[in-house]
Amino acid sequence: MKYYLIVGEASGDLHASHLMKALKDVDKMAEFRFFGGDLMAQVGGTLVRHYRDTAYMGFFTVLTHLPAIFRNMALCKNDIEQWKPDAVILVDYPGFNLDIAKYVHSNHLAKVFYYISPKIWAWKEHRIKNIKRDVDALFSILPFEVDFYEKKHGFPIHYVGNPTADEVLGFVNDYKETFLQFCQRNGLDDRPVVALLAGSRRTEIKDNLPRMMKVMDAFPQYQFVLAGAPAIDDDYYRKFIGDTPLKIVHNDTFALLANATAALVTSGTATLETALFNVPQVVCYSIPMAPFWGLLKRIVLKVKYISLVNLIADKEVVPELVADSFTDQRLEDELKRILPGMQGREEMLKGYADMRKAIGKPDAPANAAKIMVGLMEADREL
């Protein structure tokens, strides 16, 4: 069967590539075409548009790129119609993907599967109407989403486990490098590492990296190392790094986390990855108009936390420094609290263990692939 996948960022590329491999295991005749990234291209199929050319974040960034966004949407819709896939698989990225879902459904072009369901429980809950209308099957990777979709909105959902947990476990089982070997390979010294995960989009990096770097001088006994995002070139990072001692490790975030003592992390999938590597962290997220954050959170956001770690555990496991609470002094204090020998470190590691229990079942891509193929085969038999 033919599968058309659409992702909008690096984490989606990673998750979709594993799903594609799982689909090939279940469906030996699987063909792929996609808006995606390099990891998906390695699995096979046709890359129509790279996510680096479609990922726009933030109101003003989206506004200034509206012509490009509309061109990409038109290209995607036309390409799906011409290729005639059996299923369109949407991976997160709801601003773009829900529009595609509406088009595919209204024109009866293919089954619409949503893998990594949109986080409408955080904001834009009204999108449930579009999902109910346009999505044939929804696949969740966060256990708390089951109650939200099924009990609150009466929409059935498949909880398949969390692919990030599978990816981290697979990496840890195969990773044999020592700390010194990792440092030598990346031009680092032998001091313990504090990892900086400043996001995968330019706007996130611009807003968060300079503020994260301000804490470096307070911890001279540590070396700070930035996880370079796949779609961001060195020149962009150099604008912020300048002549500081901050080093970059490119396209090797898992190895960096495997060797880190602590981390400063911009909210997103990276917070979950960091926790699964058992690396104590401080979540940092700078937003424009920070003084209005409290009002914005009360009016727009529907959740107590912004990090996946806290959302899954349903309690504050990691500190969240967001908007006006993201200050230089607070960041220094929170990082100090989770370093070796400090009580906050042990408390956080216990919280990580509780979070792992909540995640539950392993092998999310395989679970999702079996259900997807089964649904299509059952449809063909009707």
Protein backbone atom coordinates (compact mmCIF):
# COMPACT_ATOMS: atom_id res chain seq x y z
CA MET A 1 0.00 0.00 0.00
CA LYS A 2 0.97 3.65 -0.46
CA TYR A 3 1.57 5.98 2.48
CA TYR A 4 1.91 9.76 2.35
CA LEU A 5 3.47 11.22 5.52
CA ILE A 6 3.70 14.85 6.64
CA VAL A 7 5.94 16.16 9.43
CA GLY A 8 7.01 19.68 10.36
CA GLU A 9 10.13 19.40 12.52
CA ALA A 10 13.12 17.27 13.51
CA SER A 11 11.33 15.21 16.17
CA GLY A 12 8.57 14.41 13.68
CA ASP A 13 11.19 13.26 11.16
CA LEU A 14 12.62 10.90 13.78
CA HIS A 15 9.25 9.46 14.86
CA ALA A 16 7.99 9.13 11.29
CA SER A 17 11.15 7.33 10.17
CA HIS A 18 10.60 4.65 12.82
CA LEU A 19 6.94 4.35 11.89
CA MET A 20 7.92 3.88 8.24
CA LYS A 21 10.27 1.05 9.19
CA ALA A 22 7.50 -0.57 11.22
CA LEU A 23 5.05 -0.23 8.33
CA LYS A 24 7.55 -1.95 6.02
CA ASP A 25 7.73 -4.84 8.48
CA VAL A 26 3.94 -5.27 8.42
CA ASP A 27 3.34 -4.31 4.77
CA LYS A 28 6.11 -5.65 2.54
CA MET A 29 4.75 -3.67 -0.42
CA ALA A 30 4.77 -0.33 1.41
CA GLU A 31 5.61 2.75 -0.67
CA PHE A 32 6.29 6.18 0.82
CA ARG A 33 6.08 9.78 -0.27
CA PHE A 34 6.45 12.59 2.23
CA PHE A 35 6.96 16.10 3.49
CA GLY A 36 9.72 15.17 5.92
CA GLY A 37 13.41 15.04 6.59
CA ASP A 38 16.69 13.22 6.17
CA LEU A 39 15.84 10.31 8.49
CA MET A 40 12.68 9.53 6.56
CA ALA A 41 14.62 9.75 3.30
CA GLN A 42 17.05 7.14 4.64
CA VAL A 43 14.17 4.69 5.08
CA GLY A 44 13.17 5.13 1.45
CA GLY A 45 10.56 6.77 -0.73
CA THR A 46 10.27 10.25 -2.21
CA LEU A 47 10.99 13.42 -0.24
CA VAL A 48 8.72 16.08 -1.72
CA ARG A 49 9.62 18.96 0.61
CA HIS A 50 12.04 19.12 3.55
CA TYR A 51 10.61 20.22 6.89
CA ARG A 52 13.23 22.98 7.16
CA ASP A 53 11.36 24.71 4.32
CA THR A 54 7.96 24.41 6.01
CA ALA A 55 8.61 24.90 9.76
CA TYR A 56 7.49 28.35 10.85
CA MET A 57 6.78 29.12 14.51
CA GLY A 58 5.43 32.21 16.21
CA PHE A 59 2.70 34.62 15.12
CA PHE A 60 4.92 37.16 13.36
CA THR A 61 7.10 34.51 11.71
CA VAL A 62 4.02 32.75 10.34
CA LEU A 63 2.53 36.05 9.22
CA THR A 64 5.63 37.04 7.24
CA HIS A 65 5.82 33.62 5.60
CA LEU A 66 2.16 33.21 4.68
CA PRO A 67 2.80 33.08 0.90
CA ALA A 68 5.33 30.26 1.37
CA ILE A 69 2.97 28.40 3.71
CA PHE A 70 0.12 28.62 1.22
CA ARG A 71 2.39 27.45 -1.60
CA ASN A 72 3.49 24.45 0.46
CA MET A 73 -0.12 23.58 1.28
CA ALA A 74 -1.12 23.80 -2.36
CA LEU A 75 1.85 21.65 -3.37
CA CYS A 76 1.02 19.05 -0.73
CA LYS A 77 -2.67 18.82 -1.65
CA ASN A 78 -1.95 18.55 -5.35
CA ASP A 79 0.78 15.97 -4.78
CA ILE A 80 -1.51 13.78 -2.67
CA GLU A 81 -4.24 13.99 -5.28
CA GLN A 82 -1.83 13.03 -8.06
CA TRP A 83 -0.11 10.19 -6.18
CA LYS A 84 -3.34 8.64 -4.81
CA PRO A 85 -2.07 7.11 -1.54
CA ASP A 86 -4.03 4.57 0.47
CA ALA A 87 -3.36 6.52 3.67
CA VAL A 88 -2.19 9.98 4.61
CA ILE A 89 -0.32 9.89 7.92
CA LEU A 90 -0.07 13.21 9.75
CA VAL A 91 2.58 13.64 12.44
CA ASP A 92 1.84 16.42 14.96
CA TYR A 93 2.26 19.86 13.19
CA PRO A 94 -1.48 20.66 13.51
CA GLY A 95 -1.57 24.13 11.92
CA PHE A 96 -0.60 22.59 8.58
CA ASN A 97 -1.82 19.03 8.99
CA LEU A 98 -5.40 19.70 10.03
CA ASP A 99 -5.87 21.72 6.84
CA ILE A 100 -4.50 18.80 4.83
CA ALA A 101 -6.78 16.40 6.72
CA LYS A 102 -9.81 18.49 5.80
CA TYR A 103 -8.85 18.49 2.13
CA VAL A 104 -8.11 14.76 1.97
CA HIS A 105 -11.31 13.82 3.81
CA SER A 106 -13.65 16.16 1.93
CA ASN A 107 -12.32 14.90 -1.42
CA HIS A 108 -12.30 11.23 -0.35
CA LEU A 109 -8.65 10.86 -1.36
CA ALA A 110 -7.37 8.46 1.32
CA LYS A 111 -7.65 7.26 4.89
CA VAL A 112 -6.46 9.94 7.31
CA PHE A 113 -4.38 8.69 10.24
CA TYR A 114 -3.01 11.13 12.83
CA TYR A 115 0.13 9.76 14.49
CA ILE A 116 1.19 11.82 17.53
CA SER A 117 -2.14 13.50 18.10
CA PRO A 118 -2.39 17.30 18.19
CA LYS A 119 -1.93 18.79 21.67
CA ILE A 120 -5.33 20.46 21.70
CA TRP A 121 -5.60 19.72 25.42
CA ALA A 122 -3.06 22.55 25.90
CA TRP A 123 -4.75 25.11 23.68
CA LYS A 124 -7.11 25.41 20.72
CA GLU A 125 -9.42 22.73 22.09
CA HIS A 126 -11.98 23.77 19.49
CA ARG A 127 -9.94 21.82 16.95
CA ILE A 128 -11.64 18.65 18.23
CA LYS A 129 -14.45 19.41 15.76
CA ASN A 130 -12.02 19.22 12.83
CA ILE A 131 -10.44 16.04 14.17
CA LYS A 132 -13.80 14.29 14.61
CA ARG A 133 -14.82 15.32 11.10
CA ASP A 134 -11.60 14.71 9.16
CA VAL A 135 -9.51 12.06 10.94
CA ASP A 136 -10.24 8.34 10.57
CA ALA A 137 -7.98 7.17 13.39
CA LEU A 138 -6.01 9.03 16.05
CA PHE A 139 -2.82 7.59 17.58
CA SER A 140 -1.64 8.92 20.92
CA ILE A 141 1.83 8.68 22.45
CA LEU A 142 0.89 10.38 25.73
CA PRO A 143 -1.11 8.30 28.24
CA PHE A 144 -3.14 11.20 29.67
CA GLU A 145 -4.57 11.97 26.22
CA VAL A 146 -6.84 8.91 26.36
CA ASP A 147 -9.13 10.43 28.99
CA PHE A 148 -9.09 13.80 27.25
CA TYR A 149 -10.20 12.48 23.87
CA GLU A 150 -12.38 9.55 24.89
CA LYS A 151 -14.01 10.66 28.16
CA LYS A 152 -14.21 14.39 27.56
CA HIS A 153 -14.88 14.42 23.82
CA GLY A 154 -16.17 10.93 23.03
CA PHE A 155 -13.60 10.35 20.29
CA PRO A 156 -11.84 6.94 20.29
CA ILE A 157 -8.07 7.01 20.35
CA HIS A 158 -5.31 4.40 20.08
CA TYR A 159 -2.67 4.78 22.80
CA VAL A 160 0.35 2.99 21.32
CA GLY A 161 3.09 3.83 23.83
CA ASN A 162 5.71 6.52 23.48
CA PRO A 163 8.22 6.28 20.60
CA THR A 164 10.71 8.52 22.40
CA ALA A 165 10.97 5.91 25.16
CA ASP A 166 11.65 3.23 22.53
CA GLU A 167 14.23 5.40 20.77
CA VAL A 168 16.13 6.20 23.96
CA LEU A 169 16.10 2.59 25.14
CA GLY A 170 17.37 1.38 21.76
CA PHE A 171 20.17 3.94 21.80
CA VAL A 172 21.23 3.14 25.37
CA ASN A 173 21.37 -0.58 24.62
CA ASP A 174 23.64 -0.03 21.61
CA TYR A 175 25.81 2.85 22.87
CA LYS A 176 29.30 1.73 23.94
CA GLU A 177 31.34 4.94 23.96
CA THR A 178 33.02 6.09 27.19
CA PHE A 179 32.77 9.66 28.47
CA LEU A 180 36.40 10.37 27.55
CA GLN A 181 35.92 8.93 24.06
CA PHE A 182 32.85 11.13 23.59
CA CYS A 183 34.80 14.21 24.69
CA GLN A 184 37.76 13.43 22.45
CA ARG A 185 35.51 12.83 19.46
CA ASN A 186 33.84 16.21 19.92
CA GLY A 187 36.86 18.32 20.90
CA LEU A 188 35.78 18.68 24.54
CA ASP A 189 37.86 18.66 27.72
CA ASP A 190 37.35 16.24 30.61
CA ARG A 191 35.08 18.39 32.82
CA PRO A 192 31.53 17.10 33.41
CA VAL A 193 29.00 18.30 30.83
CA VAL A 194 25.95 20.50 31.14
CA ALA A 195 23.93 20.05 27.94
CA LEU A 196 22.01 22.92 26.36
CA LEU A 197 18.98 21.89 24.28
CA ALA A 198 17.74 25.21 22.98
CA GLY A 199 15.13 24.02 20.48
CA SER A 200 15.05 22.96 16.85
CA ARG A 201 13.62 26.14 15.31
CA ARG A 202 15.46 29.41 14.73
CA THR A 203 12.95 31.45 16.73
CA GLU A 204 13.30 29.14 19.74
CA ILE A 205 17.08 29.29 19.56
CA LYS A 206 17.11 33.08 19.23
CA ASP A 207 14.85 33.51 22.26
CA ASN A 208 16.37 30.86 24.54
CA LEU A 209 20.04 30.18 23.80
CA PRO A 210 21.47 33.61 24.75
CA ARG A 211 19.64 33.49 28.07
CA MET A 212 20.77 29.93 28.80
CA MET A 213 24.38 30.92 28.13
CA LYS A 214 24.34 33.63 30.81
CA VAL A 215 24.63 30.99 33.54
CA MET A 216 27.88 29.53 32.20
CA ASP A 217 30.27 31.78 34.14
CA ALA A 218 28.71 30.71 37.44
CA PHE A 219 29.77 27.08 36.89
CA PRO A 220 33.43 27.06 35.75
CA GLN A 221 33.87 23.45 36.90
CA TYR A 222 31.49 22.34 34.12
CA GLN A 223 31.72 22.57 30.33
CA PHE A 224 28.55 23.67 28.57
CA VAL A 225 27.78 21.90 25.30
CA LEU A 226 25.02 22.80 22.86
CA ALA A 227 23.01 20.17 20.99
CA GLY A 228 23.06 21.36 17.38
CA ALA A 229 19.67 20.87 15.68
CA PRO A 230 19.73 19.01 12.34
CA ALA A 231 18.32 21.84 10.21
CA ILE A 232 20.33 24.71 11.76
CA ASP A 233 23.71 25.65 10.33
CA ASP A 234 26.78 26.76 12.29
CA ASP A 235 26.59 30.35 11.10
CA TYR A 236 23.26 30.84 12.83
CA TYR A 237 24.59 29.50 16.14
CA ARG A 238 27.77 31.57 15.88
CA LYS A 239 25.74 34.76 16.02
CA PHE A 240 24.90 33.90 19.62
CA ILE A 241 27.96 31.92 20.72
CA GLY A 242 30.56 34.47 19.57
CA ASP A 243 33.86 33.98 21.41
CA THR A 244 32.36 32.19 24.43
CA PRO A 245 33.64 28.68 25.30
CA LEU A 246 30.32 27.04 24.41
CA LYS A 247 30.91 24.01 22.16
CA ILE A 248 28.46 22.41 19.73
CA VAL A 249 27.76 18.72 19.19
CA HIS A 250 26.01 18.27 15.86
CA ASN A 251 23.24 15.76 15.14
CA ASP A 252 24.19 13.67 18.16
CA THR A 253 21.83 14.77 20.92
CA PHE A 254 21.36 11.29 22.35
CA ALA A 255 25.12 10.80 22.79
CA LEU A 256 25.33 14.23 24.40
CA LEU A 257 22.57 13.37 26.86
CA ALA A 258 24.13 9.98 27.58
CA ASN A 259 27.24 11.85 28.75
CA ALA A 260 25.63 14.85 30.46
CA THR A 261 25.48 15.51 34.19
CA ALA A 262 22.64 18.04 33.89
CA ALA A 263 20.79 19.94 31.17
CA LEU A 264 19.01 23.18 30.36
CA VAL A 265 16.17 22.33 28.01
CA THR A 266 13.65 24.26 25.95
CA SER A 267 10.20 22.74 26.36
CA GLY A 268 9.14 20.07 23.88
CA THR A 269 10.10 16.48 23.11
CA ALA A 270 13.60 17.27 24.37
CA THR A 271 12.35 17.47 27.97
CA LEU A 272 11.09 13.90 27.71
CA GLU A 273 14.29 12.69 26.01
CA THR A 274 16.38 14.26 28.76
CA ALA A 275 14.30 12.61 31.49
CA LEU A 276 14.50 9.20 29.81
CA PHE A 277 18.29 9.52 29.85
CA ASN A 278 18.00 10.20 33.60
CA VAL A 279 19.63 13.61 33.23
CA PRO A 280 18.32 16.17 35.74
CA GLN A 281 17.12 19.29 33.93
CA VAL A 282 15.79 22.81 34.14
CA VAL A 283 13.11 23.60 31.58
CA CYS A 284 13.56 27.10 30.10
CA TYR A 285 11.18 28.82 27.75
CA SER A 286 11.40 32.46 26.85
CA ILE A 287 8.41 34.04 25.15
CA PRO A 288 7.75 37.56 23.81
CA MET A 289 5.75 39.85 26.08
CA ALA A 290 6.75 37.85 29.16
CA PRO A 291 4.95 40.12 31.68
CA PHE A 292 1.63 39.06 30.12
CA TRP A 293 2.38 35.34 30.52
CA GLY A 294 0.18 34.92 33.60
CA LEU A 295 -2.83 36.40 31.81
CA LEU A 296 -2.08 34.42 28.64
CA LYS A 297 -1.84 31.16 30.58
CA ARG A 298 -5.17 31.72 32.31
CA ILE A 299 -6.99 32.64 29.11
CA VAL A 300 -5.39 30.39 26.47
CA LEU A 301 -3.62 27.43 28.05
CA LYS A 302 -5.68 24.64 29.59
CA VAL A 303 -2.90 22.75 31.41
CA LYS A 304 -0.88 23.19 34.60
CA TYR A 305 2.50 22.46 32.98
CA ILE A 306 4.31 22.99 29.69
CA SER A 307 6.87 20.15 29.86
CA LEU A 308 5.97 16.62 28.84
CA VAL A 309 7.74 15.26 31.92
CA ASN A 310 5.40 17.06 34.31
CA LEU A 311 2.34 16.45 32.16
CA ILE A 312 2.91 12.70 32.03
CA ALA A 313 3.78 12.44 35.74
CA ASP A 314 0.88 14.80 36.59
CA LYS A 315 3.06 16.65 39.09
CA GLU A 316 6.04 19.02 39.06
CA VAL A 317 9.06 16.80 38.54
CA VAL A 318 11.18 19.38 36.71
CA PRO A 319 11.20 23.16 37.30
CA GLU A 320 9.66 25.21 34.51
CA LEU A 321 11.13 28.66 34.01
CA VAL A 322 8.71 30.29 31.60
CA ALA A 323 8.43 33.91 30.51
CA ASP A 324 8.82 36.20 33.54
CA SER A 325 10.00 33.35 35.81
CA PHE A 326 12.93 32.72 33.44
CA THR A 327 15.51 34.97 35.13
CA ASP A 328 19.29 34.68 35.34
CA GLN A 329 19.26 34.17 39.10
CA ARG A 330 16.45 31.62 39.07
CA LEU A 331 18.22 29.64 36.34
CA GLU A 332 21.45 29.61 38.32
CA ASP A 333 19.66 28.53 41.50
CA GLU A 334 17.72 25.72 39.82
CA LEU A 335 20.76 24.36 38.02
CA LYS A 336 22.78 24.37 41.25
CA ARG A 337 19.96 22.44 42.98
CA ILE A 338 20.19 19.45 40.59
CA LEU A 339 23.97 18.99 40.43
CA PRO A 340 25.60 15.89 41.99
CA GLY A 341 25.29 15.78 45.78
CA MET A 342 22.27 18.10 45.91
CA GLN A 343 18.89 16.97 47.24
CA GLY A 344 16.97 18.27 44.26
CA ARG A 345 18.83 15.83 42.02
CA GLU A 346 17.63 12.73 43.86
CA GLU A 347 14.08 14.02 44.07
CA MET A 348 14.01 14.60 40.32
CA LEU A 349 15.37 11.12 39.54
CA LYS A 350 12.58 9.59 41.66
CA GLY A 351 10.07 11.64 39.69
CA TYR A 352 11.54 10.35 36.44
CA ALA A 353 10.91 6.77 37.62
CA ASP A 354 7.23 7.58 38.24
CA MET A 355 6.98 9.12 34.77
CA ARG A 356 8.39 5.96 33.13
CA LYS A 357 5.72 3.84 34.81
CA ALA A 358 3.00 6.11 33.44
CA ILE A 359 4.32 5.75 29.86
CA GLY A 360 3.70 2.00 29.89
CA LYS A 361 3.77 -0.19 26.80
CA PRO A 362 6.87 -0.42 24.57
CA ASP A 363 7.32 -0.39 20.77
CA ALA A 364 4.97 2.43 19.77
CA PRO A 365 5.82 2.44 16.02
CA ALA A 366 5.12 -1.29 15.68
CA ASN A 367 1.87 -0.99 17.63
CA ALA A 368 0.71 1.89 15.44
CA ALA A 369 1.76 0.22 12.18
CA LYS A 370 -0.20 -2.96 12.96
CA ILE A 371 -3.34 -0.99 13.73
CA MET A 372 -3.00 1.21 10.61
CA VAL A 373 -2.51 -1.72 8.24
CA GLY A 374 -5.29 -3.65 9.96
CA LEU A 375 -7.73 -0.75 9.52
CA MET A 376 -6.91 -0.44 5.82
CA GLU A 377 -7.18 -4.18 5.20
CA ALA A 378 -10.55 -4.30 6.99
CA ASP A 379 -11.75 -1.38 4.86
CA ARG A 380 -10.74 -3.17 1.68
CA GLU A 381 -12.72 -6.25 2.68
CA LEU A 382 -15.97 -4.28 2.98
